[in-house]
Amino acid sequence: MKLKLKDITLKNYQQALFDLKERGYADNTSFGVHRIGRIIFWKGIEMSLISKDPTEFAYLKRDKKTIG
């Protein structure tokens, strides 16, 4: 799906992060994608291309690690 930066919502962004998890990507990969996404949107705000950061309340689902 192609969206313009200004058209991406928290819901779109969050679903993209969940999709990475469902497709079997490692937690570190998802974290890296989220980190780069945050940088892109911060830059968009800095350049006055957007007024709100859709990554602000996004979160990642992580696997629980167990010992044993």
N, C-alpha and C. Protein backbone atom coordinates (compact mmCIF):
# COMPACT_ATOMS: atom_id res chain seq x y z
N MET A 1 0.85 -1.18 0.00
CA MET A 1 0.00 0.00 0.00
C MET A 1 0.89 1.24 0.00
N LYS A 2 0.63 2.14 -0.90
CA LYS A 2 1.39 3.38 -0.96
C LYS A 2 0.55 4.50 -0.37
N LEU A 3 1.12 5.19 0.60
CA LEU A 3 0.47 6.33 1.23
C LEU A 3 1.43 7.50 1.26
N LYS A 4 0.91 8.68 1.18
CA LYS A 4 1.73 9.87 1.39
C LYS A 4 2.00 10.00 2.88
N LEU A 5 3.13 10.61 3.20
CA LEU A 5 3.54 10.78 4.58
C LEU A 5 2.42 11.39 5.43
N LYS A 6 1.75 12.40 4.90
CA LYS A 6 0.71 13.11 5.65
C LYS A 6 -0.54 12.26 5.86
N ASP A 7 -0.70 11.19 5.09
CA ASP A 7 -1.89 10.35 5.18
C ASP A 7 -1.72 9.13 6.10
N ILE A 8 -0.53 8.93 6.64
CA ILE A 8 -0.29 7.79 7.52
C ILE A 8 -0.79 8.11 8.92
N THR A 9 -1.60 7.22 9.46
CA THR A 9 -2.17 7.40 10.80
C THR A 9 -1.51 6.42 11.77
N LEU A 10 -1.75 6.62 13.04
CA LEU A 10 -1.27 5.68 14.05
C LEU A 10 -1.78 4.28 13.74
N LYS A 11 -3.03 4.18 13.35
CA LYS A 11 -3.62 2.87 13.04
C LYS A 11 -2.87 2.18 11.89
N ASN A 12 -2.60 2.92 10.80
CA ASN A 12 -1.83 2.36 9.67
C ASN A 12 -0.45 1.91 10.11
N TYR A 13 0.21 2.79 10.83
CA TYR A 13 1.58 2.53 11.27
C TYR A 13 1.63 1.33 12.21
N GLN A 14 0.72 1.30 13.18
CA GLN A 14 0.68 0.20 14.14
C GLN A 14 0.42 -1.12 13.42
N GLN A 15 -0.49 -1.13 12.46
CA GLN A 15 -0.79 -2.35 11.72
C GLN A 15 0.44 -2.83 10.95
N ALA A 16 1.21 -1.91 10.41
CA ALA A 16 2.44 -2.27 9.69
C ALA A 16 3.42 -2.96 10.63
N LEU A 17 3.53 -2.48 11.88
CA LEU A 17 4.42 -3.12 12.85
C LEU A 17 3.90 -4.52 13.22
N PHE A 18 2.59 -4.65 13.41
CA PHE A 18 2.01 -5.96 13.70
C PHE A 18 2.22 -6.92 12.54
N ASP A 19 2.11 -6.42 11.31
CA ASP A 19 2.31 -7.26 10.13
C ASP A 19 3.72 -7.83 10.07
N LEU A 20 4.71 -7.02 10.46
CA LEU A 20 6.08 -7.52 10.50
C LEU A 20 6.18 -8.72 11.44
N LYS A 21 5.55 -8.61 12.60
CA LYS A 21 5.57 -9.69 13.59
C LYS A 21 4.88 -10.94 13.04
N GLU A 22 3.72 -10.74 12.43
CA GLU A 22 2.96 -11.87 11.88
C GLU A 22 3.70 -12.56 10.74
N ARG A 23 4.52 -11.81 10.02
CA ARG A 23 5.27 -12.39 8.90
C ARG A 23 6.56 -13.06 9.36
N GLY A 24 6.81 -13.05 10.68
CA GLY A 24 7.93 -13.78 11.24
C GLY A 24 9.24 -13.03 11.35
N TYR A 25 9.20 -11.72 11.19
CA TYR A 25 10.43 -10.95 11.34
C TYR A 25 10.87 -10.95 12.81
N ALA A 26 12.17 -10.92 13.02
CA ALA A 26 12.74 -10.92 14.37
C ALA A 26 12.39 -9.61 15.08
N ASP A 27 12.37 -9.67 16.41
CA ASP A 27 12.09 -8.47 17.22
C ASP A 27 13.07 -7.35 16.89
N ASN A 28 14.35 -7.70 16.70
CA ASN A 28 15.35 -6.67 16.39
C ASN A 28 15.05 -5.98 15.07
N THR A 29 14.55 -6.72 14.10
CA THR A 29 14.19 -6.13 12.81
C THR A 29 13.02 -5.17 12.97
N SER A 30 11.99 -5.60 13.69
CA SER A 30 10.82 -4.75 13.93
C SER A 30 11.23 -3.48 14.68
N PHE A 31 12.11 -3.64 15.66
CA PHE A 31 12.57 -2.49 16.42
C PHE A 31 13.32 -1.52 15.52
N GLY A 32 14.16 -2.04 14.62
CA GLY A 32 14.90 -1.19 13.69
C GLY A 32 13.97 -0.44 12.75
N VAL A 33 12.95 -1.12 12.23
CA VAL A 33 11.97 -0.48 11.36
C VAL A 33 11.25 0.64 12.11
N HIS A 34 10.86 0.36 13.35
CA HIS A 34 10.17 1.38 14.16
C HIS A 34 11.08 2.58 14.43
N ARG A 35 12.33 2.31 14.72
CA ARG A 35 13.28 3.39 15.00
C ARG A 35 13.45 4.29 13.77
N ILE A 36 13.59 3.68 12.60
CA ILE A 36 13.72 4.46 11.37
C ILE A 36 12.43 5.21 11.05
N GLY A 37 11.28 4.56 11.30
CA GLY A 37 9.99 5.23 11.11
C GLY A 37 9.88 6.48 11.96
N ARG A 38 10.29 6.36 13.21
CA ARG A 38 10.23 7.53 14.11
C ARG A 38 11.10 8.67 13.58
N ILE A 39 12.29 8.33 13.09
CA ILE A 39 13.19 9.35 12.56
C ILE A 39 12.56 10.04 11.34
N ILE A 40 11.96 9.26 10.47
CA ILE A 40 11.32 9.82 9.27
C ILE A 40 10.21 10.81 9.66
N PHE A 41 9.36 10.41 10.61
CA PHE A 41 8.25 11.29 10.99
C PHE A 41 8.73 12.51 11.77
N TRP A 42 9.77 12.35 12.60
CA TRP A 42 10.33 13.52 13.30
C TRP A 42 10.85 14.51 12.28
N LYS A 43 11.52 14.00 11.24
CA LYS A 43 12.05 14.89 10.19
C LYS A 43 10.91 15.57 9.45
N GLY A 44 9.82 14.84 9.20
CA GLY A 44 8.65 15.42 8.56
C GLY A 44 8.07 16.57 9.36
N ILE A 45 8.04 16.42 10.67
CA ILE A 45 7.56 17.50 11.55
C ILE A 45 8.54 18.67 11.50
N GLU A 46 9.82 18.36 11.59
CA GLU A 46 10.85 19.40 11.56
C GLU A 46 10.77 20.23 10.27
N MET A 47 10.46 19.58 9.17
CA MET A 47 10.38 20.26 7.87
C MET A 47 8.99 20.81 7.58
N SER A 48 8.09 20.73 8.56
CA SER A 48 6.71 21.23 8.44
C SER A 48 5.92 20.54 7.32
N LEU A 49 6.24 19.28 7.07
CA LEU A 49 5.49 18.49 6.09
C LEU A 49 4.26 17.85 6.73
N ILE A 50 4.37 17.57 8.04
CA ILE A 50 3.27 17.01 8.81
C ILE A 50 3.23 17.72 10.16
N SER A 51 2.09 17.61 10.84
CA SER A 51 1.98 18.29 12.13
C SER A 51 1.91 17.30 13.30
N LYS A 52 1.69 16.02 13.02
CA LYS A 52 1.54 15.03 14.08
C LYS A 52 2.37 13.80 13.76
N ASP A 53 2.97 13.22 14.79
CA ASP A 53 3.81 12.03 14.65
C ASP A 53 2.98 10.77 14.91
N PRO A 54 2.65 9.99 13.87
CA PRO A 54 1.83 8.80 14.07
C PRO A 54 2.57 7.67 14.79
N THR A 55 3.86 7.82 15.00
CA THR A 55 4.62 6.78 15.70
C THR A 55 4.63 6.99 17.21
N GLU A 56 4.14 8.13 17.66
CA GLU A 56 4.27 8.53 19.06
C GLU A 56 3.74 7.48 20.04
N PHE A 57 2.60 6.89 19.78
CA PHE A 57 2.02 5.92 20.73
C PHE A 57 2.06 4.50 20.20
N ALA A 58 2.81 4.27 19.13
CA ALA A 58 2.93 2.91 18.57
C ALA A 58 3.79 2.06 19.50
N TYR A 59 3.55 0.76 19.48
CA TYR A 59 4.34 -0.15 20.31
C TYR A 59 4.60 -1.43 19.54
N LEU A 60 5.56 -2.18 20.04
CA LEU A 60 5.95 -3.44 19.42
C LEU A 60 5.54 -4.60 20.31
N LYS A 61 5.06 -5.66 19.67
CA LYS A 61 4.81 -6.90 20.41
C LYS A 61 6.11 -7.67 20.41
N ARG A 62 6.58 -8.02 21.58
CA ARG A 62 7.84 -8.77 21.69
C ARG A 62 7.56 -10.16 22.23
N ASP A 63 8.39 -11.09 21.80
CA ASP A 63 8.31 -12.44 22.34
C ASP A 63 8.82 -12.43 23.78
N LYS A 64 8.15 -13.16 24.62
CA LYS A 64 8.62 -13.29 26.01
C LYS A 64 9.71 -14.36 26.03
N LYS A 65 10.82 -14.00 26.62
CA LYS A 65 11.94 -14.92 26.72
C LYS A 65 11.83 -15.68 28.03
N THR A 66 12.03 -16.98 27.96
CA THR A 66 12.00 -17.80 29.16
C THR A 66 13.33 -18.51 29.33
N ILE A 67 13.65 -18.78 30.55
CA ILE A 67 14.89 -19.50 30.87
C ILE A 67 14.49 -20.88 31.37
N GLY A 68 15.09 -21.86 30.80
CA GLY A 68 14.76 -23.18 31.32
C GLY A 68 14.85 -24.22 30.39
